[in-house]
């Protein structure tokens, strides 16, 4: 028999769970399955986006900064707004004095370049004529004490200048190649940029349509999850209720078994008590007869050794009196027909019904799910008209036309730029090579000259090495004079163009003065009105438009479209989700068929509760059962009588004792032994019922109460679980649509209908022109100018050093001059040619 405390615990837990459900009916408990997974959408609007250009830091950055610092010193004037305005609107009205005043730094540089162009070739021509007459660049005529110091100083300065020339020409080669590599791609990128920007407005409706089409991604996901929503909700209900239902079913199973056992014991108790009552009187009479016969025999004087048997025979009478036990017919009458229900079959059926709850729930929700699928399959009107509401046709045509004209008109100039850039690259490469030749000549001349000087102490040496060194130095001087004109012309041409690009365009572009100038009315001719060409709103300036586009502003906030456009209006799906919520609220599940205690079983329990089985006087039964059926051990007495019969000397008496012993043996087998068996059965049933009746009654009462509560509360709990799971399902599905809304909002405002590609194109244009092209361009002419102006000291020191490499006239030196000696006898000096 089980302890009824398990049912009490079940009732307590059930009450707590139901109170929790009532108190938190408005709360939601959505586990990990209630979270929406991340959907993946196809990105749009990438065709118009340009990769941001940026010049990474490099080893030439110090050189670029040096060149920009030099140009800032050359051009100290601010952006010439008035001069540029006149040049753009009335080119013939531009005054030369204004240009010269603004370009004063460049004019000074032009004067310097002109003087260089005139003086250096002229000096070179004169030097050439002088050399032809052997008047210049000769040799040292006499050796003197300071000649070695002078020669060493000249060679040192020439070597330093040559090394500076080598550094400059290496930088010239690098920057010349860097410029050539950047101009080509930069020029070729212009048509592509203009072409990509043509679709900035015109491609928006088509891409908005593509955004609307991707609404099918959350739709398909929701439709897929709707296929299993019924089973999922039913499984959740089953999972959350099984903690209550399974223990209740197990308790009913045990209670049915305990009930059947108690009924069996009660029936055995009744049958055994009735039997013992009926057989008690005949047994008592038989015992009394045998007792009288044995007493007469054992009290005979002839009976020897009969004292012990006589005392035992005195006890040959009934011990227990079952006429004193109460009758249980009333209890049995109340339990007539019990059990009416089959508890085992009932529990098995309830368990099967409960385990099929997911399938039953899916079947009950089938129609509602189909209606919900029909609602989900419809695209909201707001999303469907996402592209139709974009007001950009007229602005798109104007924008496309302006960019197409700019692209077409720029192509000849771009081809021309590429053509002349190739010429410049070749010229720069050739002139840099000439400077490299000068450097090589200087190094070879210094090396051979130094070798020749070190070999003069040897009387057998020739002057060929020193003469060769001198010839190399003079070759470098000749190249310097010969190419000085092309040097300065290329330098000034590239300096004038690159310097003005840096100071006039790049500097004002970087600080946005260029945008301010373009935005000021009257600065640009009517044909170049950027605000009109770009289609900007009247209250949006060019600097403001650039900044807004840089910050990711939408097209309709900057451009003057045909009308206003509000993407939030087209991405508002509240009506759509409201209809979904209404359909989800129609989810229903009915578990009334799950009746854990049917009517037959309930009648059995109620009959048992009112039977009064716990009120039976079990102590009366136990009091009689504690007594022996016969006060003496009959079998022991039989054996004792048999021994007495054998021991008697009187044959007749011995035979009579043996006959009585056999009669008692027969009485024991026929009446005493069966009654003792019934007493054992009665004892077992009485003890079982006395121990379990009260507890079983309590179990029955609690089971009736719990089953009644469960019948009422299980549908309530199931409904609450259904509502919670439905809300979780709805939230998850709405989350899928909100993912689409957020993605679509980001696509529309930040990738598709945004003017950020325009600001990105302007920034890329500035980086390409100023950082990628102008920087190496200006660095090239700066390095070439560096080398060109270093050619002047290189020429001077090379000419002076040449004299020391050629053969010199040697003479003896004295402490005083020949003219100061009064008695001087001239003598022949040897000349070493």
Foldseek 3Di string as FASTA:
>chain_A
DDFLVLLVVLVVVVVVVLVVCVVPLVDFDDDPVLAFDDFDDDFDQCLLFDDFDDDDDDPCVVLLVVLVVVLCVLQVDAFPLVQLLCCFPPVVPRDPVVVCVRNVSLVVVVVVLVCLLPPLLVVVVVVVVCVVVPNFLAFFAEDDDCPVVVLVVLLVVLLVLLVLLVVLLVLLLVLLVLQLVQLVVLLVCLLVNLVSCLCQQVCQLVVLQVLLVCLVRLLVVLLVVLVQLLLVLLVLLLVVCCVSLVSLLVLLVVLLVVLVVLVVLVVLLQVLLVVCQVQLVVLQVVLVVLLVLVLVLLVDPQQPPSPVLNVLSVQSGFWFNSVQFDHLVLLVVLLPCPLVDDSVVLSVVLVVLSVCRSVQRCVQCVVLSVVLSVLSPDRDPLSNCSSVPDFADVLSVLQSVLSVVVSVVCVVVSVVVSVVSVVLSVLSVVVSVLSVLLSVLQVQLSVLLVVLVVCPVPPPDDLVSLLSSLVSLVVSLSSLSVCLNVLSVSLSVLCVVLSCCVNNPLVCVVVVVVQVSLQDPSSHPPVVNVCVSNQFDPVAGSVNLLVCLQVQFFQQVTHPGPDDDDSVSSLDCVVSLVVSLVSLVPRDGDPLVSQSADPSNLSSLVSLLPSCLQVRPLVSLVVSLVIARGNHDLLVSLVVLQVSLVVRPPVVSSVSSNVSSVVSVVSCVPRVVVSVVSSVSSVVSSVVSNVCSVSSSVSSVSSSVVSVVCSVSSSVSSVSSSVSSSVSSSVNSVVSSVSSSVVSVCSNRRNRRGSNSVSSVSSSSSCSPVVSNSSSSSSNSVSSVSSSVSVVSSSVSSSVSSNHSGDYWYDDDDPDDPVVDPDDDDDDDDTDD
